Structure formats: structure tokens, C-alpha cells
Amino acid sequence: MVTLSSLAALRGNGAYGAAKAALLAWNHTLAQQLGPHGVTANVVVPGFVAGTEFFGGPADEEELARRRAQTLVGGVGEPDDVAAAVAFLASPEARYITGEFLNSNGGAMLGR
């Protein structure tokens, strides 16, 4: 099982951040309940993803430059980046990974 959260869960962002943070806690419960049945439960935590209209419309060049500067890799995420993280966690190669949060944010926020 793979759930999608958001960096807002880790940084705070009102009700949206609270809802996304609840998914992180829920994931731990799912991992405990499903693990004995051979099912893994993980969360992908994306950062900014270009090409989406999450903030009400496509980001302009100024916003993209600002977002790039916030990452360690000097780029912004694309939908395929998040999809690749989900695909990995859903694959047999991730069979021994459960109860985890996988940040997919180019280093905008480092893992703990």
C-alpha cells in the first residue's frame, strides 16, 4: 500500500498540513496491521511538482526559479518523479520496506 502525503505534513500548513500529517501516523498503524499478512505500507512525500495546478494554476518562470533554488539538485519535481517513487514502493524490490516515508523533493527538505 502506498499513500501520498506532502511536505506540508512536515512543515505545517493549516488544515491541509494536518490532514497530510495524519496520513503519516495512519501509515504506521497500517504497517503494523498489514505486515503480518505480507503487505507493506509506505508514504511518498512529494515536494513541489511542476506541471500540476495545485496552487491554482501552472507556475510561471519566476515561481519555478524560486522552487528550483529551494532544492539541493537545482530542479523541480515532475509528475513522473513522484510516479517512480510510488512504483518503486509498490514493486517486489521494496518488499522489505514498510512503515516508511519516502521524500521525493530534490532535497528541499532532508529526511530524518
PDB file of N, CA and C in Angstrom:
ATOM      1  N   MET A   1       0.852  -1.156   0.000  1.00  0.00           N
ATOM      2  CA  MET A   1       0.000   0.000   0.000  1.00  0.00           C
ATOM      3  C   MET A   1       0.904   1.228   0.000  1.00  0.00           C
ATOM      4  N   VAL A   2       0.606   2.171  -0.880  1.00  0.00           N
ATOM      5  CA  VAL A   2       1.375   3.412  -0.948  1.00  0.00           C
ATOM      6  C   VAL A   2       0.406   4.581  -0.849  1.00  0.00           C
ATOM      7  N   THR A   3       0.678   5.480   0.082  1.00  0.00           N
ATOM      8  CA  THR A   3      -0.141   6.662   0.304  1.00  0.00           C
ATOM      9  C   THR A   3       0.666   7.892  -0.091  1.00  0.00           C
ATOM     10  N   LEU A   4      -0.001   8.924  -0.580  1.00  0.00           N
ATOM     11  CA  LEU A   4       0.662  10.183  -0.927  1.00  0.00           C
ATOM     12  C   LEU A   4       0.376  11.226   0.128  1.00  0.00           C
ATOM     13  N   SER A   5       1.432  11.818   0.641  1.00  0.00           N
ATOM     14  CA  SER A   5       1.307  12.909   1.607  1.00  0.00           C
ATOM     15  C   SER A   5       1.841  14.177   0.952  1.00  0.00           C
ATOM     16  N   SER A   6       2.511  15.009   1.722  1.00  0.00           N
ATOM     17  CA  SER A   6       3.016  16.286   1.227  1.00  0.00           C
ATOM     18  C   SER A   6       4.057  16.820   2.200  1.00  0.00           C
ATOM     19  N   LEU A   7       4.959  17.651   1.701  1.00  0.00           N
ATOM     20  CA  LEU A   7       5.882  18.344   2.599  1.00  0.00           C
ATOM     21  C   LEU A   7       5.132  19.195   3.611  1.00  0.00           C
ATOM     22  N   ALA A   8       3.916  19.582   3.281  1.00  0.00           N
ATOM     23  CA  ALA A   8       3.106  20.363   4.223  1.00  0.00           C
ATOM     24  C   ALA A   8       2.888  19.592   5.526  1.00  0.00           C
ATOM     25  N   ALA A   9       2.941  18.262   5.469  1.00  0.00           N
ATOM     26  CA  ALA A   9       2.794  17.453   6.673  1.00  0.00           C
ATOM     27  C   ALA A   9       3.959  17.665   7.631  1.00  0.00           C
ATOM     28  N   LEU A  10       5.122  17.985   7.083  1.00  0.00           N
ATOM     29  CA  LEU A  10       6.324  18.153   7.890  1.00  0.00           C
ATOM     30  C   LEU A  10       6.616  19.608   8.228  1.00  0.00           C
ATOM     31  N   ARG A  11       6.108  20.510   7.398  1.00  0.00           N
ATOM     32  CA  ARG A  11       6.364  21.934   7.602  1.00  0.00           C
ATOM     33  C   ARG A  11       5.197  22.660   8.251  1.00  0.00           C
ATOM     34  N   GLY A  12       4.056  22.046   8.251  1.00  0.00           N
ATOM     35  CA  GLY A  12       2.859  22.713   8.748  1.00  0.00           C
ATOM     36  C   GLY A  12       2.246  23.539   7.642  1.00  0.00           C
ATOM     37  N   ASN A  13       0.967  23.569   7.580  1.00  0.00           N
ATOM     38  CA  ASN A  13       0.266  24.354   6.567  1.00  0.00           C
ATOM     39  C   ASN A  13      -1.223  24.278   6.848  1.00  0.00           C
ATOM     40  N   GLY A  14      -1.602  24.676   8.031  1.00  0.00           N
ATOM     41  CA  GLY A  14      -3.016  24.706   8.376  1.00  0.00           C
ATOM     42  C   GLY A  14      -3.678  23.340   8.317  1.00  0.00           C
ATOM     43  N   ALA A  15      -4.931  23.342   7.929  1.00  0.00           N
ATOM     44  CA  ALA A  15      -5.720  22.117   7.882  1.00  0.00           C
ATOM     45  C   ALA A  15      -5.158  21.125   6.864  1.00  0.00           C
ATOM     46  N   TYR A  16      -4.662  21.629   5.723  1.00  0.00           N
ATOM     47  CA  TYR A  16      -4.090  20.744   4.709  1.00  0.00           C
ATOM     48  C   TYR A  16      -2.894  19.994   5.283  1.00  0.00           C
ATOM     49  N   GLY A  17      -1.981  20.713   5.937  1.00  0.00           N
ATOM     50  CA  GLY A  17      -0.814  20.081   6.536  1.00  0.00           C
ATOM     51  C   GLY A  17      -1.208  19.069   7.603  1.00  0.00           C
ATOM     52  N   ALA A  18      -2.214  19.406   8.400  1.00  0.00           N
ATOM     53  CA  ALA A  18      -2.676  18.490   9.442  1.00  0.00           C
ATOM     54  C   ALA A  18      -3.231  17.204   8.842  1.00  0.00           C
ATOM     55  N   ALA A  19      -4.008  17.334   7.776  1.00  0.00           N
ATOM     56  CA  ALA A  19      -4.568  16.150   7.127  1.00  0.00           C
ATOM     57  C   ALA A  19      -3.466  15.271   6.538  1.00  0.00           C
ATOM     58  N   LYS A  20      -2.473  15.900   5.928  1.00  0.00           N
ATOM     59  CA  LYS A  20      -1.371  15.134   5.341  1.00  0.00           C
ATOM     60  C   LYS A  20      -0.491  14.521   6.423  1.00  0.00           C
ATOM     61  N   ALA A  21      -0.345  15.190   7.574  1.00  0.00           N
ATOM     62  CA  ALA A  21       0.403  14.632   8.696  1.00  0.00           C
ATOM     63  C   ALA A  21      -0.319  13.420   9.278  1.00  0.00           C
ATOM     64  N   ALA A  22      -1.632  13.450   9.293  1.00  0.00           N
ATOM     65  CA  ALA A  22      -2.402  12.312   9.798  1.00  0.00           C
ATOM     66  C   ALA A  22      -2.118  11.057   8.980  1.00  0.00           C
ATOM     67  N   LEU A  23      -1.854  11.221   7.699  1.00  0.00           N
ATOM     68  CA  LEU A  23      -1.524  10.060   6.860  1.00  0.00           C
ATOM     69  C   LEU A  23      -0.237   9.393   7.317  1.00  0.00           C
ATOM     70  N   LEU A  24       0.709  10.176   7.825  1.00  0.00           N
ATOM     71  CA  LEU A  24       1.972   9.609   8.297  1.00  0.00           C
ATOM     72  C   LEU A  24       1.731   8.725   9.516  1.00  0.00           C
ATOM     73  N   ALA A  25       0.925   9.208  10.456  1.00  0.00           N
ATOM     74  CA  ALA A  25       0.599   8.414  11.640  1.00  0.00           C
ATOM     75  C   ALA A  25      -0.218   7.180  11.263  1.00  0.00           C
ATOM     76  N   TRP A  26      -1.168   7.357  10.374  1.00  0.00           N
ATOM     77  CA  TRP A  26      -2.007   6.241   9.919  1.00  0.00           C
ATOM     78  C   TRP A  26      -1.149   5.169   9.265  1.00  0.00           C
ATOM     79  N   ASN A  27      -0.129   5.593   8.526  1.00  0.00           N
ATOM     80  CA  ASN A  27       0.739   4.635   7.850  1.00  0.00           C
ATOM     81  C   ASN A  27       1.425   3.703   8.843  1.00  0.00           C
ATOM     82  N   HIS A  28       1.840   4.227   9.987  1.00  0.00           N
ATOM     83  CA  HIS A  28       2.484   3.358  10.975  1.00  0.00           C
ATOM     84  C   HIS A  28       1.518   2.283  11.458  1.00  0.00           C
ATOM     85  N   THR A  29       0.275   2.666  11.683  1.00  0.00           N
ATOM     86  CA  THR A  29      -0.736   1.701  12.098  1.00  0.00           C
ATOM     87  C   THR A  29      -0.963   0.657  11.006  1.00  0.00           C
ATOM     88  N   LEU A  30      -1.077   1.121   9.757  1.00  0.00           N
ATOM     89  CA  LEU A  30      -1.271   0.188   8.646  1.00  0.00           C
ATOM     90  C   LEU A  30      -0.108  -0.797   8.542  1.00  0.00           C
ATOM     91  N   ALA A  31       1.115  -0.298   8.664  1.00  0.00           N
ATOM     92  CA  ALA A  31       2.286  -1.174   8.572  1.00  0.00           C
ATOM     93  C   ALA A  31       2.222  -2.262   9.645  1.00  0.00           C
ATOM     94  N   GLN A  32       1.831  -1.887  10.859  1.00  0.00           N
ATOM     95  CA  GLN A  32       1.728  -2.863  11.941  1.00  0.00           C
ATOM     96  C   GLN A  32       0.627  -3.882  11.687  1.00  0.00           C
ATOM     97  N   GLN A  33      -0.499  -3.421  11.154  1.00  0.00           N
ATOM     98  CA  GLN A  33      -1.636  -4.314  10.935  1.00  0.00           C
ATOM     99  C   GLN A  33      -1.458  -5.205   9.706  1.00  0.00           C
ATOM    100  N   LEU A  34      -0.869  -4.658   8.653  1.00  0.00           N
ATOM    101  CA  LEU A  34      -0.777  -5.389   7.390  1.00  0.00           C
ATOM    102  C   LEU A  34       0.482  -6.222   7.250  1.00  0.00           C
ATOM    103  N   GLY A  35       1.540  -5.831   7.966  1.00  0.00           N
ATOM    104  CA  GLY A  35       2.806  -6.551   7.863  1.00  0.00           C
ATOM    105  C   GLY A  35       2.693  -8.050   8.068  1.00  0.00           C
ATOM    106  N   PRO A  36       1.975  -8.502   9.099  1.00  0.00           N
ATOM    107  CA  PRO A  36       1.851  -9.946   9.306  1.00  0.00           C
ATOM    108  C   PRO A  36       1.182 -10.679   8.141  1.00  0.00           C
ATOM    109  N   HIS A  37       0.531  -9.948   7.264  1.00  0.00           N
ATOM    110  CA  HIS A  37      -0.127 -10.537   6.091  1.00  0.00           C
ATOM    111  C   HIS A  37       0.714 -10.383   4.829  1.00  0.00           C
ATOM    112  N   GLY A  38       1.958  -9.917   5.007  1.00  0.00           N
ATOM    113  CA  GLY A  38       2.854  -9.765   3.865  1.00  0.00           C
ATOM    114  C   GLY A  38       2.617  -8.514   3.042  1.00  0.00           C
ATOM    115  N   VAL A  39       1.884  -7.547   3.598  1.00  0.00           N
ATOM    116  CA  VAL A  39       1.574  -6.316   2.886  1.00  0.00           C
ATOM    117  C   VAL A  39       2.399  -5.186   3.486  1.00  0.00           C
ATOM    118  N   THR A  40       3.059  -4.422   2.641  1.00  0.00           N
ATOM    119  CA  THR A  40       3.815  -3.263   3.107  1.00  0.00           C
ATOM    120  C   THR A  40       2.950  -2.009   3.018  1.00  0.00           C
ATOM    121  N   ALA A  41       3.291  -1.020   3.833  1.00  0.00           N
ATOM    122  CA  ALA A  41       2.568   0.259   3.843  1.00  0.00           C
ATOM    123  C   ALA A  41       3.605   1.370   3.962  1.00  0.00           C
ATOM    124  N   ASN A  42       3.650   2.238   2.964  1.00  0.00           N
ATOM    125  CA  ASN A  42       4.608   3.325   2.931  1.00  0.00           C
ATOM    126  C   ASN A  42       3.949   4.588   2.400  1.00  0.00           C
ATOM    127  N   VAL A  43       4.630   5.717   2.608  1.00  0.00           N
ATOM    128  CA  VAL A  43       4.110   7.010   2.180  1.00  0.00           C
ATOM    129  C   VAL A  43       5.153   7.704   1.311  1.00  0.00           C
ATOM    130  N   VAL A  44       4.729   8.222   0.178  1.00  0.00           N
ATOM    131  CA  VAL A  44       5.567   9.098  -0.633  1.00  0.00           C
ATOM    132  C   VAL A  44       5.213  10.528  -0.251  1.00  0.00           C
ATOM    133  N   VAL A  45       6.259  11.315   0.030  1.00  0.00           N
ATOM    134  CA  VAL A  45       6.086  12.693   0.477  1.00  0.00           C
ATOM    135  C   VAL A  45       6.702  13.619  -0.583  1.00  0.00           C
ATOM    136  N   PRO A  46       5.897  14.023  -1.577  1.00  0.00           N
ATOM    137  CA  PRO A  46       6.434  14.890  -2.625  1.00  0.00           C
ATOM    138  C   PRO A  46       6.625  16.319  -2.149  1.00  0.00           C
ATOM    139  N   GLY A  47       7.563  16.978  -2.789  1.00  0.00           N
ATOM    140  CA  GLY A  47       7.702  18.418  -2.659  1.00  0.00           C
ATOM    141  C   GLY A  47       6.960  19.065  -3.811  1.00  0.00           C
ATOM    142  N   PHE A  48       7.429  20.228  -4.219  1.00  0.00           N
ATOM    143  CA  PHE A  48       6.801  20.928  -5.334  1.00  0.00           C
ATOM    144  C   PHE A  48       6.909  20.080  -6.601  1.00  0.00           C
ATOM    145  N   VAL A  49       5.809  19.981  -7.333  1.00  0.00           N
ATOM    146  CA  VAL A  49       5.778  19.233  -8.589  1.00  0.00           C
ATOM    147  C   VAL A  49       5.292  20.165  -9.692  1.00  0.00           C
ATOM    148  N   ALA A  50       6.178  20.422 -10.645  1.00  0.00           N
ATOM    149  CA  ALA A  50       5.816  21.276 -11.779  1.00  0.00           C
ATOM    150  C   ALA A  50       4.796  20.556 -12.652  1.00  0.00           C
ATOM    151  N   GLY A  51       4.074  21.310 -13.429  1.00  0.00           N
ATOM    152  CA  GLY A  51       3.116  20.715 -14.347  1.00  0.00           C
ATOM    153  C   GLY A  51       1.796  20.347 -13.701  1.00  0.00           C
ATOM    154  N   THR A  52       1.644  20.701 -12.430  1.00  0.00           N
ATOM    155  CA  THR A  52       0.364  20.483 -11.761  1.00  0.00           C
ATOM    156  C   THR A  52      -0.247  21.855 -11.481  1.00  0.00           C
ATOM    157  N   GLU A  53      -1.495  21.851 -11.143  1.00  0.00           N
ATOM    158  CA  GLU A  53      -2.167  23.119 -10.849  1.00  0.00           C
ATOM    159  C   GLU A  53      -2.580  23.172  -9.388  1.00  0.00           C
ATOM    160  N   PHE A  54      -1.736  22.589  -8.535  1.00  0.00           N
ATOM    161  CA  PHE A  54      -2.027  22.533  -7.112  1.00  0.00           C
ATOM    162  C   PHE A  54      -2.238  23.916  -6.505  1.00  0.00           C
ATOM    163  N   PHE A  55      -1.461  24.877  -6.950  1.00  0.00           N
ATOM    164  CA  PHE A  55      -1.552  26.228  -6.384  1.00  0.00           C
ATOM    165  C   PHE A  55      -2.490  27.125  -7.185  1.00  0.00           C
ATOM    166  N   GLY A  56      -3.393  26.544  -7.961  1.00  0.00           N
ATOM    167  CA  GLY A  56      -4.400  27.323  -8.667  1.00  0.00           C
ATOM    168  C   GLY A  56      -4.098  27.567 -10.131  1.00  0.00           C
ATOM    169  N   GLY A  57      -2.982  27.129 -10.600  1.00  0.00           N
ATOM    170  CA  GLY A  57      -2.616  27.296 -11.997  1.00  0.00           C
ATOM    171  C   GLY A  57      -1.165  26.910 -12.185  1.00  0.00           C
ATOM    172  N   PRO A  58      -0.734  26.763 -13.421  1.00  0.00           N
ATOM    173  CA  PRO A  58       0.671  26.398 -13.661  1.00  0.00           C
ATOM    174  C   PRO A  58       1.603  27.492 -13.128  1.00  0.00           C
ATOM    175  N   ALA A  59       2.749  27.060 -12.615  1.00  0.00           N
ATOM    176  CA  ALA A  59       3.730  28.005 -12.094  1.00  0.00           C
ATOM    177  C   ALA A  59       4.389  28.766 -13.241  1.00  0.00           C
ATOM    178  N   ASP A  60       4.589  30.069 -13.035  1.00  0.00           N
ATOM    179  CA  ASP A  60       5.298  30.858 -14.046  1.00  0.00           C
ATOM    180  C   ASP A  60       6.811  30.675 -13.851  1.00  0.00           C
ATOM    181  N   GLU A  61       7.603  31.250 -14.719  1.00  0.00           N
ATOM    182  CA  GLU A  61       9.056  31.070 -14.667  1.00  0.00           C
ATOM    183  C   GLU A  61       9.656  31.586 -13.363  1.00  0.00           C
ATOM    184  N   GLU A  62       9.129  32.669 -12.848  1.00  0.00           N
ATOM    185  CA  GLU A  62       9.634  33.211 -11.581  1.00  0.00           C
ATOM    186  C   GLU A  62       9.421  32.225 -10.437  1.00  0.00           C
ATOM    187  N   GLU A  63       8.233  31.647 -10.386  1.00  0.00           N
ATOM    188  CA  GLU A  63       7.933  30.664  -9.340  1.00  0.00           C
ATOM    189  C   GLU A  63       8.782  29.409  -9.518  1.00  0.00           C
ATOM    190  N   LEU A  64       8.948  28.952 -10.745  1.00  0.00           N
ATOM    191  CA  LEU A  64       9.787  27.772 -10.984  1.00  0.00           C
ATOM    192  C   LEU A  64      11.222  28.033 -10.541  1.00  0.00           C
ATOM    193  N   ALA A  65      11.748  29.219 -10.816  1.00  0.00           N
ATOM    194  CA  ALA A  65      13.111  29.566 -10.395  1.00  0.00           C
ATOM    195  C   ALA A  65      13.215  29.571  -8.872  1.00  0.00           C
ATOM    196  N   ARG A  66      12.206  30.101  -8.214  1.00  0.00           N
ATOM    197  CA  ARG A  66      12.195  30.123  -6.750  1.00  0.00           C
ATOM    198  C   ARG A  66      12.180  28.704  -6.186  1.00  0.00           C
ATOM    199  N   ARG A  67      11.361  27.864  -6.771  1.00  0.00           N
ATOM    200  CA  ARG A  67      11.267  26.470  -6.315  1.00  0.00           C
ATOM    201  C   ARG A  67      12.562  25.702  -6.589  1.00  0.00           C
ATOM    202  N   ARG A  68      13.178  25.914  -7.747  1.00  0.00           N
ATOM    203  CA  ARG A  68      14.458  25.270  -8.062  1.00  0.00           C
ATOM    204  C   ARG A  68      15.506  25.617  -7.009  1.00  0.00           C
ATOM    205  N   ALA A  69      15.538  26.879  -6.624  1.00  0.00           N
ATOM    206  CA  ALA A  69      16.528  27.355  -5.659  1.00  0.00           C
ATOM    207  C   ALA A  69      16.344  26.720  -4.283  1.00  0.00           C
ATOM    208  N   GLN A  70      15.176  26.187  -4.005  1.00  0.00           N
ATOM    209  CA  GLN A  70      14.906  25.560  -2.709  1.00  0.00           C
ATOM    210  C   GLN A  70      15.387  24.116  -2.639  1.00  0.00           C
ATOM    211  N   THR A  71      15.835  23.561  -3.771  1.00  0.00           N
ATOM    212  CA  THR A  71      16.262  22.160  -3.780  1.00  0.00           C
ATOM    213  C   THR A  71      17.780  22.054  -3.810  1.00  0.00           C
ATOM    214  N   LEU A  72      18.278  20.910  -3.414  1.00  0.00           N
ATOM    215  CA  LEU A  72      19.711  20.653  -3.470  1.00  0.00           C
ATOM    216  C   LEU A  72      20.152  20.202  -4.851  1.00  0.00           C
ATOM    217  N   VAL A  73      19.208  19.766  -5.680  1.00  0.00           N
ATOM    218  CA  VAL A  73      19.542  19.274  -7.016  1.00  0.00           C
ATOM    219  C   VAL A  73      19.342  20.327  -8.093  1.00  0.00           C
ATOM    220  N   GLY A  74      18.846  21.505  -7.692  1.00  0.00           N
ATOM    221  CA  GLY A  74      18.682  22.607  -8.639  1.00  0.00           C
ATOM    222  C   GLY A  74      17.599  22.374  -9.670  1.00  0.00           C
ATOM    223  N   GLY A  75      16.591  21.627  -9.299  1.00  0.00           N
ATOM    224  CA  GLY A  75      15.490  21.365 -10.234  1.00  0.00           C
ATOM    225  C   GLY A  75      14.187  21.216  -9.480  1.00  0.00           C
ATOM    226  N   VAL A  76      13.111  21.134 -10.228  1.00  0.00           N
ATOM    227  CA  VAL A  76      11.800  20.900  -9.617  1.00  0.00           C
ATOM    228  C   VAL A  76      11.316  19.513 -10.000  1.00  0.00           C
ATOM    229  N   GLY A  77      10.447  18.979  -9.169  1.00  0.00           N
ATOM    230  CA  GLY A  77       9.889  17.668  -9.438  1.00  0.00           C
ATOM    231  C   GLY A  77       8.921  17.705 -10.606  1.00  0.00           C
ATOM    232  N   GLU A  78       8.812  16.574 -11.249  1.00  0.00           N
ATOM    233  CA  GLU A  78       7.846  16.356 -12.313  1.00  0.00           C
ATOM    234  C   GLU A  78       6.919  15.219 -11.881  1.00  0.00           C
ATOM    235  N   PRO A  79       5.730  15.131 -12.437  1.00  0.00           N
ATOM    236  CA  PRO A  79       4.831  14.040 -12.055  1.00  0.00           C
ATOM    237  C   PRO A  79       5.475  12.658 -12.170  1.00  0.00           C
ATOM    238  N   ASP A  80       6.318  12.457 -13.178  1.00  0.00           N
ATOM    239  CA  ASP A  80       6.977  11.158 -13.341  1.00  0.00           C
ATOM    240  C   ASP A  80       7.918  10.832 -12.183  1.00  0.00           C
ATOM    241  N   ASP A  81       8.476  11.852 -11.529  1.00  0.00           N
ATOM    242  CA  ASP A  81       9.348  11.612 -10.378  1.00  0.00           C
ATOM    243  C   ASP A  81       8.565  11.006  -9.224  1.00  0.00           C
ATOM    244  N   VAL A  82       7.399  11.535  -8.975  1.00  0.00           N
ATOM    245  CA  VAL A  82       6.548  11.012  -7.906  1.00  0.00           C
ATOM    246  C   VAL A  82       6.032   9.624  -8.294  1.00  0.00           C
ATOM    247  N   ALA A  83       5.645   9.464  -9.542  1.00  0.00           N
ATOM    248  CA  ALA A  83       5.163   8.159 -10.005  1.00  0.00           C
ATOM    249  C   ALA A  83       6.242   7.093  -9.857  1.00  0.00           C
ATOM    250  N   ALA A  84       7.499   7.446 -10.112  1.00  0.00           N
ATOM    251  CA  ALA A  84       8.603   6.477  -9.987  1.00  0.00           C
ATOM    252  C   ALA A  84       8.777   6.055  -8.534  1.00  0.00           C
ATOM    253  N   ALA A  85       8.633   6.988  -7.599  1.00  0.00           N
ATOM    254  CA  ALA A  85       8.742   6.648  -6.179  1.00  0.00           C
ATOM    255  C   ALA A  85       7.610   5.708  -5.766  1.00  0.00           C
ATOM    256  N   VAL A  86       6.406   5.997  -6.224  1.00  0.00           N
ATOM    257  CA  VAL A  86       5.260   5.131  -5.927  1.00  0.00           C
ATOM    258  C   VAL A  86       5.482   3.747  -6.540  1.00  0.00           C
ATOM    259  N   ALA A  87       5.906   3.706  -7.795  1.00  0.00           N
ATOM    260  CA  ALA A  87       6.128   2.428  -8.468  1.00  0.00           C
ATOM    261  C   ALA A  87       7.180   1.600  -7.739  1.00  0.00           C
ATOM    262  N   PHE A  88       8.255   2.245  -7.287  1.00  0.00           N
ATOM    263  CA  PHE A  88       9.275   1.501  -6.551  1.00  0.00           C
ATOM    264  C   PHE A  88       8.697   0.892  -5.280  1.00  0.00           C
ATOM    265  N   LEU A  89       7.997   1.707  -4.482  1.00  0.00           N
ATOM    266  CA  LEU A  89       7.466   1.184  -3.224  1.00  0.00           C
ATOM    267  C   LEU A  89       6.406   0.106  -3.424  1.00  0.00           C
ATOM    268  N   ALA A  90       5.758   0.112  -4.579  1.00  0.00           N
ATOM    269  CA  ALA A  90       4.752  -0.913  -4.880  1.00  0.00           C
ATOM    270  C   ALA A  90       5.365  -2.147  -5.533  1.00  0.00           C
ATOM    271  N   SER A  91       6.651  -2.102  -5.820  1.00  0.00           N
ATOM    272  CA  SER A  91       7.310  -3.195  -6.542  1.00  0.00           C
ATOM    273  C   SER A  91       7.830  -4.277  -5.596  1.00  0.00           C
ATOM    274  N   PRO A  92       8.109  -5.460  -6.139  1.00  0.00           N
ATOM    275  CA  PRO A  92       8.704  -6.525  -5.322  1.00  0.00           C
ATOM    276  C   PRO A  92      10.066  -6.134  -4.740  1.00  0.00           C
ATOM    277  N   GLU A  93      10.774  -5.239  -5.390  1.00  0.00           N
ATOM    278  CA  GLU A  93      12.082  -4.816  -4.885  1.00  0.00           C
ATOM    279  C   GLU A  93      11.981  -4.105  -3.537  1.00  0.00           C
ATOM    280  N   ALA A  94      10.820  -3.578  -3.205  1.00  0.00           N
ATOM    281  CA  ALA A  94      10.623  -2.872  -1.932  1.00  0.00           C
ATOM    282  C   ALA A  94       9.913  -3.742  -0.902  1.00  0.00           C
ATOM    283  N   ARG A  95       9.960  -5.039  -1.077  1.00  0.00           N
ATOM    284  CA  ARG A  95       9.191  -5.946  -0.219  1.00  0.00           C
ATOM    285  C   ARG A  95       9.603  -5.912   1.252  1.00  0.00           C
ATOM    286  N   TYR A  96      10.794  -5.411   1.547  1.00  0.00           N
ATOM    287  CA  TYR A  96      11.277  -5.378   2.923  1.00  0.00           C
ATOM    288  C   TYR A  96      11.259  -3.965   3.496  1.00  0.00           C
ATOM    289  N   ILE A  97      10.548  -3.066   2.839  1.00  0.00           N
ATOM    290  CA  ILE A  97      10.417  -1.677   3.287  1.00  0.00           C
ATOM    291  C   ILE A  97       8.968  -1.458   3.689  1.00  0.00           C
ATOM    292  N   THR A  98       8.752  -1.102   4.933  1.00  0.00           N
ATOM    293  CA  THR A  98       7.395  -0.824   5.389  1.00  0.00           C
ATOM    294  C   THR A  98       7.430   0.175   6.545  1.00  0.00           C
ATOM    295  N   GLY A  99       6.364   0.940   6.662  1.00  0.00           N
ATOM    296  CA  GLY A  99       6.266   1.935   7.719  1.00  0.00           C
ATOM    297  C   GLY A  99       7.139   3.157   7.489  1.00  0.00           C
ATOM    298  N   GLU A 100       7.516   3.385   6.237  1.00  0.00           N
ATOM    299  CA  GLU A 100       8.466   4.456   5.914  1.00  0.00           C
ATOM    300  C   GLU A 100       7.810   5.600   5.157  1.00  0.00           C
ATOM    301  N   PHE A 101       8.510   6.741   5.190  1.00  0.00           N
ATOM    302  CA  PHE A 101       8.127   7.928   4.422  1.00  0.00           C
ATOM    303  C   PHE A 101       9.259   8.191   3.451  1.00  0.00           C
ATOM    304  N   LEU A 102       8.959   8.198   2.169  1.00  0.00           N
ATOM    305  CA  LEU A 102       9.971   8.441   1.137  1.00  0.00           C
ATOM    306  C   LEU A 102       9.799   9.854   0.606  1.00  0.00           C
ATOM    307  N   ASN A 103      10.728  10.737   0.975  1.00  0.00           N
ATOM    308  CA  ASN A 103      10.696  12.101   0.459  1.00  0.00           C
ATOM    309  C   ASN A 103      11.099  12.105  -1.004  1.00  0.00           C
ATOM    310  N   SER A 104      10.323  12.791  -1.810  1.00  0.00           N
ATOM    311  CA  SER A 104      10.622  12.957  -3.230  1.00  0.00           C
ATOM    312  C   SER A 104      10.564  14.467  -3.508  1.00  0.00           C
ATOM    313  N   ASN A 105      11.651  15.159  -3.100  1.00  0.00           N
ATOM    314  CA  ASN A 105      11.601  16.621  -3.138  1.00  0.00           C
ATOM    315  C   ASN A 105      12.904  17.269  -3.581  1.00  0.00           C
ATOM    316  N   GLY A 106      13.826  16.501  -4.117  1.00  0.00           N
ATOM    317  CA  GLY A 106      15.079  17.072  -4.605  1.00  0.00           C
ATOM    318  C   GLY A 106      15.941  17.688  -3.526  1.00  0.00           C
ATOM    319  N   GLY A 107      15.687  17.321  -2.277  1.00  0.00           N
ATOM    320  CA  GLY A 107      16.452  17.870  -1.174  1.00  0.00           C
ATOM    321  C   GLY A 107      15.903  19.178  -0.620  1.00  0.00           C
ATOM    322  N   ALA A 108      14.666  19.521  -0.992  1.00  0.00           N
ATOM    323  CA  ALA A 108      14.052  20.716  -0.417  1.00  0.00           C
ATOM    324  C   ALA A 108      13.879  20.559   1.095  1.00  0.00           C
ATOM    325  N   MET A 109      13.687  19.333   1.527  1.00  0.00           N
ATOM    326  CA  MET A 109      13.649  19.013   2.948  1.00  0.00           C
ATOM    327  C   MET A 109      14.350  17.675   3.112  1.00  0.00           C
ATOM    328  N   LEU A 110      15.327  17.636   3.990  1.00  0.00           N
ATOM    329  CA  LEU A 110      16.095  16.411   4.183  1.00  0.00           C
ATOM    330  C   LEU A 110      15.353  15.449   5.101  1.00  0.00           C
ATOM    331  N   GLY A 111      15.587  14.163   4.877  1.00  0.00           N
ATOM    332  CA  GLY A 111      14.967  13.123   5.698  1.00  0.00           C
ATOM    333  C   GLY A 111      15.496  13.131   7.114  1.00  0.00           C
ATOM    334  N   ARG A 112      14.824  12.406   7.939  1.00  0.00           N
ATOM    335  CA  ARG A 112      15.218  12.329   9.353  1.00  0.00           C
ATOM    336  C   ARG A 112      15.544  10.912   9.718  1.00  0.00           C
TER     337      ARG A 112
END
